[in-house]
Amino acid sequence: MKHFVIKWAGALAFLLIAGIGPGGYAAHARELSATVLGAVARPGEYAFQKGDRLSSLIERAGGYMDNAFLRGATLTRDSARERNRKALDNAISLLEEHAFAARVDEDRIRELLDGLRKLPPVTRLPIRLSHPRLLKWTEDDLPLEDGDSLTIPARNGKVTVTGEVANGDSSIPLPYDAKTRFEDYVRMAGGLTGNADPDHAYLLKADGTAAPLDHGPVRWNAGRARWEISALVDGEPSIEPGDTIVVPVKPGRSSPARGIRDLPRLLMEIHALTGVRVDPP
């Protein structure tokens, strides 16, 4: 009996040293946690269990504030880096394929491609939020991952214009008005520069996705990481509070970029995936 007690005491000591408690779980096992920032009642870091979803995180944070701008919400997570890296590599490969098919200046194109491959992808994941009761168990109610950071901005009532506008290189915030068109925002930003390419202007939406403002036959859907036929999706994107209007540079007459198919849309996609606006060579 004494021998048995000694053995049991030794085994218990081993379990305590290893951090294994009576329930069979490692006492030192790291808790899963996610952070909520912005326009919620109780911003902060919350522990969660595997299988919990966005709706439960929002409920634990006390729900949305009255000024929450749900269409601008973003989810940052580590696994999004790999997803966006693949999408970025695909866009660069298409750019390379179209460039060499057009037989443009290979040295200048290779320099551009080398620079693009060094850009790190964002870790942001596009999401669509609604009231937690309506969000629950829909395809938008994503399962949480450890380290997730959900940011829900407040409505700011501004539209930003950047790129080739006459008021300088800095981004220009302007008051939002539902009746104000693209041309009006550009005029309020000082008008276009001589290098502007308004036909390929695009929106960086508040959630980080990108949408062309032209009437082209196809558009890039960053949320689904694919090209879509414009006629098969809902109309042209509307300019909303929190959006950024980007007016890109028009390739010069001697630029090798002039012969590259889909160049403006590919550069728009790269901007959304990296947060870096890239001018054509």
C-alpha atoms as a PDB file:
ATOM      1  CA  MET A   1       0.000   0.000   0.000  1.00  0.00           C
ATOM      2  CA  LYS A   2       2.773   2.402   0.906  1.00  0.00           C
ATOM      3  CA  HIS A   3       4.455   1.615  -2.388  1.00  0.00           C
ATOM      4  CA  PHE A   4       1.216   2.440  -4.268  1.00  0.00           C
ATOM      5  CA  VAL A   5       0.822   5.791  -2.450  1.00  0.00           C
ATOM      6  CA  ILE A   6       4.372   6.771  -3.346  1.00  0.00           C
ATOM      7  CA  LYS A   7       3.746   5.888  -7.014  1.00  0.00           C
ATOM      8  CA  TRP A   8       0.489   7.895  -7.066  1.00  0.00           C
ATOM      9  CA  ALA A   9       2.173  10.884  -5.453  1.00  0.00           C
ATOM     10  CA  GLY A  10       4.943  10.743  -8.065  1.00  0.00           C
ATOM     11  CA  ALA A  11       2.453  10.552 -10.916  1.00  0.00           C
ATOM     12  CA  LEU A  12       0.488  13.517  -9.502  1.00  0.00           C
ATOM     13  CA  ALA A  13       3.672  15.567  -9.217  1.00  0.00           C
ATOM     14  CA  PHE A  14       4.494  14.787 -12.856  1.00  0.00           C
ATOM     15  CA  LEU A  15       1.032  15.924 -13.986  1.00  0.00           C
ATOM     16  CA  LEU A  16       1.340  19.173 -12.056  1.00  0.00           C
ATOM     17  CA  ILE A  17       4.784  19.857 -13.489  1.00  0.00           C
ATOM     18  CA  ALA A  18       3.469  19.120 -16.991  1.00  0.00           C
ATOM     19  CA  GLY A  19       0.594  21.503 -16.357  1.00  0.00           C
ATOM     20  CA  ILE A  20      -2.144  18.867 -16.676  1.00  0.00           C
ATOM     21  CA  GLY A  21      -5.091  19.513 -14.368  1.00  0.00           C
ATOM     22  CA  PRO A  22      -7.769  17.137 -13.103  1.00  0.00           C
ATOM     23  CA  GLY A  23      -9.943  17.794 -16.178  1.00  0.00           C
ATOM     24  CA  GLY A  24      -7.228  16.519 -18.502  1.00  0.00           C
ATOM     25  CA  TYR A  25      -6.388  19.935 -20.008  1.00  0.00           C
ATOM     26  CA  ALA A  26      -2.968  21.564 -20.041  1.00  0.00           C
ATOM     27  CA  ALA A  27      -3.070  24.356 -17.480  1.00  0.00           C
ATOM     28  CA  HIS A  28      -0.558  26.311 -19.532  1.00  0.00           C
ATOM     29  CA  ALA A  29      -2.528  25.940 -22.809  1.00  0.00           C
ATOM     30  CA  ARG A  30      -3.004  29.360 -24.381  1.00  0.00           C
ATOM     31  CA  GLU A  31      -6.559  30.674 -24.479  1.00  0.00           C
ATOM     32  CA  LEU A  32      -8.054  31.577 -27.853  1.00  0.00           C
ATOM     33  CA  SER A  33      -8.774  35.297 -28.049  1.00  0.00           C
ATOM     34  CA  ALA A  34     -10.001  37.944 -30.486  1.00  0.00           C
ATOM     35  CA  THR A  35     -10.129  41.731 -30.317  1.00  0.00           C
ATOM     36  CA  VAL A  36     -12.967  44.111 -31.161  1.00  0.00           C
ATOM     37  CA  LEU A  37     -12.134  47.761 -31.854  1.00  0.00           C
ATOM     38  CA  GLY A  38     -14.139  50.809 -32.814  1.00  0.00           C
ATOM     39  CA  ALA A  39     -17.861  51.518 -32.587  1.00  0.00           C
ATOM     40  CA  VAL A  40     -19.015  48.805 -30.172  1.00  0.00           C
ATOM     41  CA  ALA A  41     -20.226  49.197 -26.600  1.00  0.00           C
ATOM     42  CA  ARG A  42     -17.273  47.414 -24.969  1.00  0.00           C
ATOM     43  CA  PRO A  43     -14.140  47.353 -27.164  1.00  0.00           C
ATOM     44  CA  GLY A  44     -11.442  44.981 -26.012  1.00  0.00           C
ATOM     45  CA  GLU A  45      -9.989  41.489 -26.132  1.00  0.00           C
ATOM     46  CA  TYR A  46     -12.265  38.488 -25.571  1.00  0.00           C
ATOM     47  CA  ALA A  47     -11.587  34.820 -25.033  1.00  0.00           C
ATOM     48  CA  PHE A  48     -13.580  32.408 -27.167  1.00  0.00           C
ATOM     49  CA  GLN A  49     -14.000  28.703 -27.792  1.00  0.00           C
ATOM     50  CA  LYS A  50     -13.308  26.904 -31.039  1.00  0.00           C
ATOM     51  CA  GLY A  51     -16.402  27.129 -33.217  1.00  0.00           C
ATOM     52  CA  ASP A  52     -17.486  30.557 -31.984  1.00  0.00           C
ATOM     53  CA  ARG A  53     -18.326  33.038 -34.731  1.00  0.00           C
ATOM     54  CA  LEU A  54     -18.272  36.762 -35.453  1.00  0.00           C
ATOM     55  CA  SER A  55     -21.826  37.240 -34.185  1.00  0.00           C
ATOM     56  CA  SER A  56     -20.944  35.883 -30.737  1.00  0.00           C
ATOM     57  CA  LEU A  57     -17.901  38.174 -30.535  1.00  0.00           C
ATOM     58  CA  ILE A  58     -20.034  41.213 -31.393  1.00  0.00           C
ATOM     59  CA  GLU A  59     -22.635  40.201 -28.789  1.00  0.00           C
ATOM     60  CA  ARG A  60     -19.963  39.858 -26.110  1.00  0.00           C
ATOM     61  CA  ALA A  61     -18.699  43.347 -27.015  1.00  0.00           C
ATOM     62  CA  GLY A  62     -22.177  44.712 -26.267  1.00  0.00           C
ATOM     63  CA  GLY A  63     -23.294  45.199 -29.867  1.00  0.00           C
ATOM     64  CA  TYR A  64     -22.857  48.169 -32.179  1.00  0.00           C
ATOM     65  CA  MET A  65     -22.904  51.825 -31.254  1.00  0.00           C
ATOM     66  CA  ASP A  66     -25.460  54.023 -33.022  1.00  0.00           C
ATOM     67  CA  ASN A  67     -22.746  55.556 -35.206  1.00  0.00           C
ATOM     68  CA  ALA A  68     -21.232  52.223 -36.326  1.00  0.00           C
ATOM     69  CA  PHE A  69     -20.436  52.015 -40.041  1.00  0.00           C
ATOM     70  CA  LEU A  70     -20.892  48.318 -40.762  1.00  0.00           C
ATOM     71  CA  ARG A  71     -19.955  48.543 -44.449  1.00  0.00           C
ATOM     72  CA  GLY A  72     -16.517  49.743 -43.428  1.00  0.00           C
ATOM     73  CA  ALA A  73     -15.838  46.888 -41.014  1.00  0.00           C
ATOM     74  CA  THR A  74     -12.621  44.918 -41.487  1.00  0.00           C
ATOM     75  CA  LEU A  75     -11.306  41.667 -40.067  1.00  0.00           C
ATOM     76  CA  THR A  76      -7.546  41.249 -39.688  1.00  0.00           C
ATOM     77  CA  ARG A  77      -6.290  37.680 -39.278  1.00  0.00           C
ATOM     78  CA  ASP A  78      -3.004  35.894 -39.809  1.00  0.00           C
ATOM     79  CA  SER A  79      -4.391  33.282 -42.227  1.00  0.00           C
ATOM     80  CA  ALA A  80      -5.557  36.054 -44.583  1.00  0.00           C
ATOM     81  CA  ARG A  81      -1.914  36.707 -45.412  1.00  0.00           C
ATOM     82  CA  GLU A  82      -1.605  33.387 -47.275  1.00  0.00           C
ATOM     83  CA  ARG A  83      -4.934  33.910 -49.053  1.00  0.00           C
ATOM     84  CA  ASN A  84      -3.977  37.402 -50.185  1.00  0.00           C
ATOM     85  CA  ARG A  85      -0.460  36.257 -51.109  1.00  0.00           C
ATOM     86  CA  LYS A  86      -1.948  33.754 -53.563  1.00  0.00           C
ATOM     87  CA  ALA A  87      -4.253  36.388 -55.034  1.00  0.00           C
ATOM     88  CA  LEU A  88      -1.342  38.829 -55.329  1.00  0.00           C
ATOM     89  CA  ASP A  89       0.892  36.234 -56.994  1.00  0.00           C
ATOM     90  CA  ASN A  90      -1.909  35.471 -59.437  1.00  0.00           C
ATOM     91  CA  ALA A  91      -2.325  39.151 -60.343  1.00  0.00           C
ATOM     92  CA  ILE A  92       1.429  39.553 -60.866  1.00  0.00           C
ATOM     93  CA  SER A  93       1.557  36.415 -63.017  1.00  0.00           C
ATOM     94  CA  LEU A  94      -1.266  37.735 -65.201  1.00  0.00           C
ATOM     95  CA  LEU A  95       0.503  41.072 -65.511  1.00  0.00           C
ATOM     96  CA  GLU A  96       3.699  39.279 -66.540  1.00  0.00           C
ATOM     97  CA  GLU A  97       1.848  37.110 -69.052  1.00  0.00           C
ATOM     98  CA  HIS A  98       0.091  40.066 -70.672  1.00  0.00           C
ATOM     99  CA  ALA A  99       3.250  42.164 -70.703  1.00  0.00           C
ATOM    100  CA  PHE A 100       5.370  39.605 -72.525  1.00  0.00           C
ATOM    101  CA  ALA A 101       2.511  38.763 -74.881  1.00  0.00           C
ATOM    102  CA  ALA A 102       2.530  42.436 -75.863  1.00  0.00           C
ATOM    103  CA  ARG A 103       6.326  42.269 -76.420  1.00  0.00           C
ATOM    104  CA  VAL A 104       6.995  45.398 -74.407  1.00  0.00           C
ATOM    105  CA  ASP A 105      10.304  46.564 -72.920  1.00  0.00           C
ATOM    106  CA  GLU A 106      11.277  43.486 -70.892  1.00  0.00           C
ATOM    107  CA  ASP A 107      13.819  45.234 -68.668  1.00  0.00           C
ATOM    108  CA  ARG A 108      11.362  47.856 -67.442  1.00  0.00           C
ATOM    109  CA  ILE A 109       8.610  45.292 -66.956  1.00  0.00           C
ATOM    110  CA  ARG A 110      10.896  42.935 -65.035  1.00  0.00           C
ATOM    111  CA  GLU A 111      11.910  45.805 -62.785  1.00  0.00           C
ATOM    112  CA  LEU A 112       8.222  46.493 -62.083  1.00  0.00           C
ATOM    113  CA  LEU A 113       7.452  42.795 -61.466  1.00  0.00           C
ATOM    114  CA  ASP A 114      10.426  42.391 -59.123  1.00  0.00           C
ATOM    115  CA  GLY A 115       9.243  45.358 -57.088  1.00  0.00           C
ATOM    116  CA  LEU A 116       5.665  44.020 -56.926  1.00  0.00           C
ATOM    117  CA  ARG A 117       6.819  40.609 -55.696  1.00  0.00           C
ATOM    118  CA  LYS A 118       8.510  42.292 -52.734  1.00  0.00           C
ATOM    119  CA  LEU A 119       5.280  43.924 -51.558  1.00  0.00           C
ATOM    120  CA  PRO A 120       3.754  42.180 -48.513  1.00  0.00           C
ATOM    121  CA  PRO A 121       0.024  41.409 -48.773  1.00  0.00           C
ATOM    122  CA  VAL A 122      -2.397  42.884 -46.276  1.00  0.00           C
ATOM    123  CA  THR A 123      -3.818  40.593 -43.599  1.00  0.00           C
ATOM    124  CA  ARG A 124      -7.265  42.103 -43.980  1.00  0.00           C
ATOM    125  CA  LEU A 125     -10.267  39.967 -44.898  1.00  0.00           C
ATOM    126  CA  PRO A 126     -13.372  41.604 -46.441  1.00  0.00           C
ATOM    127  CA  ILE A 127     -16.501  40.961 -44.363  1.00  0.00           C
ATOM    128  CA  ARG A 128     -20.166  41.933 -44.413  1.00  0.00           C
ATOM    129  CA  LEU A 129     -21.786  42.622 -41.068  1.00  0.00           C
ATOM    130  CA  SER A 130     -25.395  43.046 -39.974  1.00  0.00           C
ATOM    131  CA  HIS A 131     -27.217  42.920 -36.653  1.00  0.00           C
ATOM    132  CA  PRO A 132     -25.883  39.903 -34.722  1.00  0.00           C
ATOM    133  CA  ARG A 133     -29.311  38.196 -34.783  1.00  0.00           C
ATOM    134  CA  LEU A 134     -29.465  38.546 -38.582  1.00  0.00           C
ATOM    135  CA  LEU A 135     -25.791  37.684 -39.028  1.00  0.00           C
ATOM    136  CA  LYS A 136     -25.923  34.496 -36.967  1.00  0.00           C
ATOM    137  CA  TRP A 137     -25.239  31.307 -38.966  1.00  0.00           C
ATOM    138  CA  THR A 138     -25.187  33.042 -42.341  1.00  0.00           C
ATOM    139  CA  GLU A 139     -22.194  32.593 -44.652  1.00  0.00           C
ATOM    140  CA  ASP A 140     -20.961  35.984 -43.447  1.00  0.00           C
ATOM    141  CA  ASP A 141     -20.867  34.794 -39.822  1.00  0.00           C
ATOM    142  CA  LEU A 142     -17.280  33.580 -40.084  1.00  0.00           C
ATOM    143  CA  PRO A 143     -15.773  31.208 -37.507  1.00  0.00           C
ATOM    144  CA  LEU A 144     -13.286  33.043 -35.309  1.00  0.00           C
ATOM    145  CA  GLU A 145      -9.557  32.358 -35.438  1.00  0.00           C
ATOM    146  CA  ASP A 146      -7.062  33.006 -32.668  1.00  0.00           C
ATOM    147  CA  GLY A 147      -5.670  36.533 -32.883  1.00  0.00           C
ATOM    148  CA  ASP A 148      -8.517  37.935 -35.011  1.00  0.00           C
ATOM    149  CA  SER A 149      -8.991  41.694 -34.817  1.00  0.00           C
ATOM    150  CA  LEU A 150     -12.390  43.074 -35.828  1.00  0.00           C
ATOM    151  CA  THR A 151     -12.557  46.828 -36.438  1.00  0.00           C
ATOM    152  CA  ILE A 152     -15.890  48.601 -36.845  1.00  0.00           C
ATOM    153  CA  PRO A 153     -15.350  52.269 -37.719  1.00  0.00           C
ATOM    154  CA  ALA A 154     -17.687  55.134 -36.950  1.00  0.00           C
ATOM    155  CA  ARG A 155     -19.346  56.927 -39.845  1.00  0.00           C
ATOM    156  CA  ASN A 156     -17.120  59.806 -40.877  1.00  0.00           C
ATOM    157  CA  GLY A 157     -19.157  61.479 -43.619  1.00  0.00           C
ATOM    158  CA  LYS A 158     -16.098  61.939 -45.825  1.00  0.00           C
ATOM    159  CA  VAL A 159     -14.941  60.764 -49.246  1.00  0.00           C
ATOM    160  CA  THR A 160     -11.219  60.923 -49.993  1.00  0.00           C
ATOM    161  CA  VAL A 161      -9.733  61.713 -53.405  1.00  0.00           C
ATOM    162  CA  THR A 162      -6.160  60.714 -54.167  1.00  0.00           C
ATOM    163  CA  GLY A 163      -3.893  60.242 -57.163  1.00  0.00           C
ATOM    164  CA  GLU A 164      -3.703  62.510 -60.185  1.00  0.00           C
ATOM    165  CA  VAL A 165      -5.677  65.514 -58.982  1.00  0.00           C
ATOM    166  CA  ALA A 166      -4.426  69.086 -59.060  1.00  0.00           C
ATOM    167  CA  ASN A 167      -4.430  69.803 -55.314  1.00  0.00           C
ATOM    168  CA  GLY A 168      -1.255  67.828 -54.687  1.00  0.00           C
ATOM    169  CA  ASP A 169      -0.112  64.331 -53.850  1.00  0.00           C
ATOM    170  CA  SER A 170      -1.816  64.083 -50.472  1.00  0.00           C
ATOM    171  CA  SER A 171      -5.224  62.496 -50.025  1.00  0.00           C
ATOM    172  CA  ILE A 172      -8.008  65.060 -49.919  1.00  0.00           C
ATOM    173  CA  PRO A 173     -11.032  64.417 -47.654  1.00  0.00           C
ATOM    174  CA  LEU A 174     -14.277  65.921 -48.949  1.00  0.00           C
ATOM    175  CA  PRO A 175     -17.814  66.047 -47.498  1.00  0.00           C
ATOM    176  CA  TYR A 176     -19.973  63.134 -48.625  1.00  0.00           C
ATOM    177  CA  ASP A 177     -23.201  63.840 -50.462  1.00  0.00           C
ATOM    178  CA  ALA A 178     -25.311  61.118 -52.050  1.00  0.00           C
ATOM    179  CA  LYS A 179     -25.930  63.346 -55.089  1.00  0.00           C
ATOM    180  CA  THR A 180     -22.243  64.103 -55.692  1.00  0.00           C
ATOM    181  CA  ARG A 181     -20.748  62.247 -58.658  1.00  0.00           C
ATOM    182  CA  PHE A 182     -17.191  61.187 -59.398  1.00  0.00           C
ATOM    183  CA  GLU A 183     -16.639  64.218 -61.633  1.00  0.00           C
ATOM    184  CA  ASP A 184     -17.848  66.552 -58.872  1.00  0.00           C
ATOM    185  CA  TYR A 185     -15.453  65.096 -56.298  1.00  0.00           C
ATOM    186  CA  VAL A 186     -12.571  65.447 -58.752  1.00  0.00           C
ATOM    187  CA  ARG A 187     -13.522  69.064 -59.439  1.00  0.00           C
ATOM    188  CA  MET A 188     -13.630  69.819 -55.683  1.00  0.00           C
ATOM    189  CA  ALA A 189     -10.165  68.240 -55.382  1.00  0.00           C
ATOM    190  CA  GLY A 190      -8.801  70.743 -57.890  1.00  0.00           C
ATOM    191  CA  GLY A 191      -9.438  68.891 -61.134  1.00  0.00           C
ATOM    192  CA  LEU A 192      -7.294  66.395 -63.013  1.00  0.00           C
ATOM    193  CA  THR A 193      -3.597  66.688 -63.768  1.00  0.00           C
ATOM    194  CA  GLY A 194      -2.298  66.274 -67.300  1.00  0.00           C
ATOM    195  CA  ASN A 195      -1.160  62.732 -66.434  1.00  0.00           C
ATOM    196  CA  ALA A 196      -4.518  61.572 -65.084  1.00  0.00           C
ATOM    197  CA  ASP A 197      -6.366  58.526 -66.413  1.00  0.00           C
ATOM    198  CA  PRO A 198      -9.974  59.180 -65.316  1.00  0.00           C
ATOM    199  CA  ASP A 199     -11.299  56.370 -67.517  1.00  0.00           C
ATOM    200  CA  HIS A 200      -9.666  53.875 -65.150  1.00  0.00           C
ATOM    201  CA  ALA A 201     -10.406  55.595 -61.834  1.00  0.00           C
ATOM    202  CA  TYR A 202     -11.518  53.237 -59.092  1.00  0.00           C
ATOM    203  CA  LEU A 203     -12.820  53.114 -55.563  1.00  0.00           C
ATOM    204  CA  LEU A 204     -11.039  51.733 -52.563  1.00  0.00           C
ATOM    205  CA  LYS A 205     -14.033  50.918 -50.417  1.00  0.00           C
ATOM    206  CA  ALA A 206     -13.951  51.494 -46.676  1.00  0.00           C
ATOM    207  CA  ASP A 207     -13.558  47.735 -46.106  1.00  0.00           C
ATOM    208  CA  GLY A 208     -10.422  47.611 -48.282  1.00  0.00           C
ATOM    209  CA  THR A 209     -11.990  46.085 -51.392  1.00  0.00           C
ATOM    210  CA  ALA A 210     -11.603  47.765 -54.787  1.00  0.00           C
ATOM    211  CA  ALA A 211     -14.141  48.483 -57.515  1.00  0.00           C
ATOM    212  CA  PRO A 212     -13.642  50.209 -60.893  1.00  0.00           C
ATOM    213  CA  LEU A 213     -15.642  53.342 -61.606  1.00  0.00           C
ATOM    214  CA  ASP A 214     -15.656  52.834 -65.366  1.00  0.00           C
ATOM    215  CA  HIS A 215     -18.186  50.875 -67.388  1.00  0.00           C
ATOM    216  CA  GLY A 216     -15.887  48.075 -68.466  1.00  0.00           C
ATOM    217  CA  PRO A 217     -17.204  44.577 -69.249  1.00  0.00           C
ATOM    218  CA  VAL A 218     -15.486  42.934 -66.261  1.00  0.00           C
ATOM    219  CA  ARG A 219     -14.623  43.930 -62.717  1.00  0.00           C
ATOM    220  CA  TRP A 220     -12.472  42.529 -59.925  1.00  0.00           C
ATOM    221  CA  ASN A 221     -14.298  41.268 -56.820  1.00  0.00           C
ATOM    222  CA  ALA A 222     -11.696  41.312 -54.028  1.00  0.00           C
ATOM    223  CA  GLY A 223     -14.075  39.712 -51.543  1.00  0.00           C
ATOM    224  CA  ARG A 224     -14.375  36.614 -53.739  1.00  0.00           C
ATOM    225  CA  ALA A 225     -10.912  36.948 -55.307  1.00  0.00           C
ATOM    226  CA  ARG A 226     -12.174  36.700 -58.892  1.00  0.00           C
ATOM    227  CA  TRP A 227     -13.096  38.661 -62.000  1.00  0.00           C
ATOM    228  CA  GLU A 228     -16.840  39.088 -62.666  1.00  0.00           C
ATOM    229  CA  ILE A 229     -18.857  40.130 -65.723  1.00  0.00           C
ATOM    230  CA  SER A 230     -20.290  43.565 -64.943  1.00  0.00           C
ATOM    231  CA  ALA A 231     -23.636  42.811 -66.577  1.00  0.00           C
ATOM    232  CA  LEU A 232     -24.177  39.881 -64.201  1.00  0.00           C
ATOM    233  CA  VAL A 233     -23.610  41.803 -60.951  1.00  0.00           C
ATOM    234  CA  ASP A 234     -25.363  44.752 -59.354  1.00  0.00           C
ATOM    235  CA  GLY A 235     -24.714  47.976 -61.313  1.00  0.00           C
ATOM    236  CA  GLU A 236     -21.726  50.232 -60.964  1.00  0.00           C
ATOM    237  CA  PRO A 237     -20.390  50.763 -57.442  1.00  0.00           C
ATOM    238  CA  SER A 238     -21.824  53.769 -55.651  1.00  0.00           C
ATOM    239  CA  ILE A 239     -19.550  56.218 -53.859  1.00  0.00           C
ATOM    240  CA  GLU A 240     -20.190  55.956 -50.117  1.00  0.00           C
ATOM    241  CA  PRO A 241     -18.847  57.589 -46.943  1.00  0.00           C
ATOM    242  CA  GLY A 242     -15.406  56.261 -46.064  1.00  0.00           C
ATOM    243  CA  ASP A 243     -14.518  55.467 -49.689  1.00  0.00           C
ATOM    244  CA  THR A 244     -11.364  56.647 -51.444  1.00  0.00           C
ATOM    245  CA  ILE A 245     -11.484  57.685 -55.099  1.00  0.00           C
ATOM    246  CA  VAL A 246      -8.189  56.813 -56.797  1.00  0.00           C
ATOM    247  CA  VAL A 247      -7.285  58.564 -60.072  1.00  0.00           C
ATOM    248  CA  PRO A 248      -4.361  56.623 -61.577  1.00  0.00           C
ATOM    249  CA  VAL A 249      -1.564  57.796 -63.849  1.00  0.00           C
ATOM    250  CA  LYS A 250      -2.032  57.425 -67.580  1.00  0.00           C
ATOM    251  CA  PRO A 251       0.905  55.603 -69.213  1.00  0.00           C
ATOM    252  CA  GLY A 252       3.020  57.967 -71.336  1.00  0.00           C
ATOM    253  CA  ARG A 253       3.354  57.552 -75.086  1.00  0.00           C
ATOM    254  CA  SER A 254       6.723  55.857 -74.696  1.00  0.00           C
ATOM    255  CA  SER A 255       5.619  53.706 -71.771  1.00  0.00           C
ATOM    256  CA  PRO A 256       5.723  49.926 -72.322  1.00  0.00           C
ATOM    257  CA  ALA A 257       2.567  49.745 -70.209  1.00  0.00           C
ATOM    258  CA  ARG A 258       0.445  51.088 -73.060  1.00  0.00           C
ATOM    259  CA  GLY A 259       0.374  47.672 -74.699  1.00  0.00           C
ATOM    260  CA  ILE A 260      -0.442  45.606 -71.608  1.00  0.00           C
ATOM    261  CA  ARG A 261      -3.966  44.207 -71.533  1.00  0.00           C
ATOM    262  CA  ASP A 262      -5.970  44.679 -68.307  1.00  0.00           C
ATOM    263  CA  LEU A 263      -3.133  46.724 -66.766  1.00  0.00           C
ATOM    264  CA  PRO A 264      -5.357  49.278 -64.921  1.00  0.00           C
ATOM    265  CA  ARG A 265      -7.496  46.566 -63.354  1.00  0.00           C
ATOM    266  CA  LEU A 266      -4.521  44.469 -62.329  1.00  0.00           C
ATOM    267  CA  LEU A 267      -2.845  47.475 -60.695  1.00  0.00           C
ATOM    268  CA  MET A 268      -6.139  48.251 -58.936  1.00  0.00           C
ATOM    269  CA  GLU A 269      -6.232  44.697 -57.585  1.00  0.00           C
ATOM    270  CA  ILE A 270      -2.626  44.946 -56.406  1.00  0.00           C
ATOM    271  CA  HIS A 271      -3.469  48.201 -54.603  1.00  0.00           C
ATOM    272  CA  ALA A 272      -6.312  46.452 -52.736  1.00  0.00           C
ATOM    273  CA  LEU A 273      -4.136  43.462 -51.851  1.00  0.00           C
ATOM    274  CA  THR A 274      -1.112  45.450 -50.636  1.00  0.00           C
ATOM    275  CA  GLY A 275      -2.392  48.907 -49.706  1.00  0.00           C
ATOM    276  CA  VAL A 276       0.203  50.375 -52.105  1.00  0.00           C
ATOM    277  CA  ARG A 277      -0.796  52.336 -55.200  1.00  0.00           C
ATOM    278  CA  VAL A 278       1.439  51.315 -58.116  1.00  0.00           C
ATOM    279  CA  ASP A 279       1.911  53.550 -61.160  1.00  0.00           C
ATOM    280  CA  PRO A 280       2.422  52.011 -64.612  1.00  0.00           C
ATOM    281  CA  PRO A 281       6.047  51.944 -65.844  1.00  0.00           C
END
